[in-house]
Protein backbone atom coordinates (compact mmCIF):
# COMPACT_ATOMS: atom_id res chain seq x y z
CA MET A 1 244.62 69.59 -25.21
CA PRO A 2 244.95 72.19 -27.95
CA ALA A 3 242.46 74.27 -25.95
CA TYR A 4 244.62 73.95 -22.83
CA ALA A 5 247.75 75.00 -24.74
CA ARG A 6 245.91 77.96 -26.32
CA ILE A 7 244.53 79.11 -22.97
CA ARG A 8 247.97 78.79 -21.40
CA GLN A 9 249.53 80.81 -24.19
CA GLN A 10 246.85 83.52 -24.27
CA GLY A 11 245.69 83.68 -20.64
CA GLY A 12 248.74 82.53 -18.72
CA VAL A 13 249.45 79.80 -16.22
CA ASP A 14 246.60 80.64 -13.83
CA ALA A 15 243.94 80.55 -16.57
CA ALA A 16 245.31 77.24 -17.85
CA LYS A 17 245.35 75.80 -14.34
CA LEU A 18 241.73 76.85 -13.80
CA PHE A 19 240.75 75.33 -17.14
CA GLY A 20 242.56 72.08 -16.28
CA ASP A 21 240.91 71.94 -12.86
CA ARG A 22 237.46 72.43 -14.36
CA ILE A 23 238.03 69.78 -17.02
CA PHE A 24 239.31 67.39 -14.35
CA THR A 25 236.22 68.00 -12.20
CA LEU A 26 233.89 67.48 -15.16
CA LEU A 27 235.64 64.31 -16.29
CA PHE A 28 235.84 62.91 -12.77
CA ALA A 29 232.16 63.58 -12.02
CA THR A 30 230.90 62.10 -15.28
CA GLN A 31 233.16 59.07 -14.97
CA VAL A 32 232.06 58.39 -11.38
CA VAL A 33 228.42 58.48 -12.49
CA LEU A 34 229.14 56.17 -15.42
CA LEU A 35 231.15 53.87 -13.15
CA ALA A 36 228.32 53.69 -10.62
CA LEU A 37 225.83 52.87 -13.37
CA ALA A 38 228.12 50.28 -14.91
CA LEU A 39 228.75 48.58 -11.57
CA ALA A 40 225.05 48.59 -10.72
CA PHE A 41 224.04 47.14 -14.07
CA THR A 42 227.01 44.86 -14.79
CA PRO A 43 224.90 41.68 -14.96
CA GLY A 44 222.64 43.31 -17.55
CA VAL A 45 225.59 44.51 -19.59
CA ILE A 46 227.17 41.04 -19.56
CA TRP A 47 223.79 39.53 -20.41
CA LEU A 48 223.56 41.78 -23.49
CA LEU A 49 227.18 41.69 -24.63
CA ALA A 50 227.96 38.03 -23.96
CA PRO A 51 224.73 36.11 -24.55
CA GLY A 52 226.62 32.81 -24.62
CA PHE A 53 227.41 33.21 -20.93
CA ARG A 54 223.72 32.98 -20.02
CA ALA A 55 223.77 29.20 -20.35
CA ASP A 56 226.66 28.80 -17.90
CA PRO A 57 225.91 30.43 -14.52
CA GLN A 58 229.50 30.05 -13.28
CA ARG A 59 230.98 31.69 -16.36
CA PHE A 60 228.37 34.46 -16.17
CA ALA A 61 229.12 35.11 -12.46
CA LEU A 62 232.87 35.16 -13.17
CA ALA A 63 232.40 37.61 -16.04
CA VAL A 64 230.35 39.90 -13.80
CA GLU A 65 232.93 39.70 -11.00
CA LEU A 66 235.92 40.36 -13.27
CA THR A 67 234.12 43.20 -15.05
CA ARG A 68 233.36 44.85 -11.72
CA ILE A 69 236.99 44.55 -10.67
CA THR A 70 238.32 45.91 -13.95
CA PHE A 71 235.79 48.63 -14.77
CA PRO A 72 237.31 51.33 -12.48
CA TYR A 73 240.31 51.18 -14.83
CA LEU A 74 238.32 53.34 -17.25
CA LEU A 75 237.90 56.07 -14.64
CA LEU A 76 241.61 56.02 -13.89
CA MET A 77 242.64 55.97 -17.55
CA THR A 78 240.37 58.90 -18.35
CA LEU A 79 242.12 60.99 -15.72
CA VAL A 80 245.57 59.73 -16.70
CA THR A 81 244.83 60.70 -20.31
CA LEU A 82 243.88 64.20 -19.21
CA PHE A 83 247.06 64.58 -17.16
CA SER A 84 249.14 63.14 -20.00
CA GLY A 85 247.68 65.70 -22.39
CA ILE A 86 248.43 68.52 -19.98
CA LEU A 87 251.97 67.28 -19.52
CA ASN A 88 252.41 67.03 -23.29
CA ALA A 89 251.15 70.61 -23.66
CA LEU A 90 253.84 71.58 -21.14
CA GLU A 91 256.40 69.66 -23.23
CA ARG A 92 256.91 67.03 -20.55
CA PHE A 93 256.63 63.76 -22.39
CA ALA A 94 258.30 61.16 -20.15
CA ALA A 95 255.43 60.51 -17.71
CA ALA A 96 252.86 60.06 -20.48
CA ALA A 97 255.22 57.82 -22.43
CA ALA A 98 255.94 55.72 -19.32
CA ALA A 99 252.26 55.06 -18.53
CA PRO A 100 252.00 51.85 -20.63
CA ILE A 101 255.27 50.60 -19.15
CA LEU A 102 253.95 51.08 -15.63
CA LEU A 103 250.69 49.37 -16.56
CA ASN A 104 252.56 46.33 -17.88
CA LEU A 105 254.85 46.15 -14.86
CA THR A 106 251.91 46.41 -12.47
CA MET A 107 250.03 43.68 -14.31
CA MET A 108 253.09 41.40 -14.32
CA ALA A 109 253.61 41.93 -10.58
CA ALA A 110 249.95 41.15 -9.91
CA LEU A 111 250.13 37.99 -11.99
CA LEU A 112 253.27 36.91 -10.15
CA LEU A 113 251.25 37.12 -6.95
CA ALA A 114 248.64 34.85 -8.55
CA VAL A 115 250.94 31.91 -7.83
CA PHE A 116 249.73 32.10 -4.23
CA LEU A 117 246.02 32.18 -5.12
CA PRO A 118 243.69 29.58 -6.61
CA ASP A 119 242.63 31.84 -9.53
CA ALA A 120 244.76 34.21 -11.59
CA GLY A 121 241.79 36.09 -13.10
CA PRO A 122 241.15 38.52 -10.24
CA CYS A 123 244.90 39.19 -9.90
CA GLY A 124 245.13 40.19 -13.56
CA CYS A 125 242.09 42.44 -13.20
CA LEU A 126 243.42 44.08 -10.05
CA GLY A 127 246.80 44.56 -11.73
CA ALA A 128 245.14 46.32 -14.66
CA ARG A 129 243.07 48.50 -12.36
CA ALA A 130 246.09 49.44 -10.23
CA GLY A 131 248.20 50.14 -13.32
CA GLY A 132 245.58 52.50 -14.68
CA GLY A 133 246.22 55.06 -11.99
CA ARG A 134 250.00 55.22 -11.89
CA PRO A 135 251.00 58.39 -13.81
CA ARG A 136 248.47 60.50 -11.92
CA SER A 137 250.96 61.53 -9.23
CA ALA A 138 253.54 62.64 -11.79
CA ALA A 139 250.96 64.73 -13.61
CA ARG A 140 249.85 66.50 -10.45
CA ARG A 141 253.11 68.49 -10.47
CA ARG A 142 252.01 70.66 -13.41
C-alpha cells in the first residue's frame, strides 16, 4: 500500500483509483485461477498434506469436502486485505479493524445454526467463508 499512497500523493485521486483497480483485477484473476486449481486438485492436496487420512476414507472425504467449502475464503481475504490497505492509506481505519470482528460474528452465527443440522463442520466452514467477504462493501466507497 505504500505504492498506492505514493501514487495518490504524486498523481492524484484518479491515478490512485486506476492503480487500485488494476491491482484488484490482477489479484482477483490470479486468485480465481489458484482457487480453480485448488478445488480441482483438493484430493491430491489432502493426500499430500494429511497422509494419515489416506487410511480412513470417511475422514479423507470429509477433509476434501470441508477444504472445498473453506478454500474460497482465501480469495475473499486477499481482496479484503487489498481494500483494507487502500482504506488505511486513506486514513480510514475502522472497516479494516472491524474485519476480524465481523468474521467472528459470522462464524458464531453459522455455528448457532448448526444446532439444526447433523454436522457442525460445514456450518463452521461456511461461516468462515461468508465472514471472509464482509468488509468488501465498506471498502468499495473509496
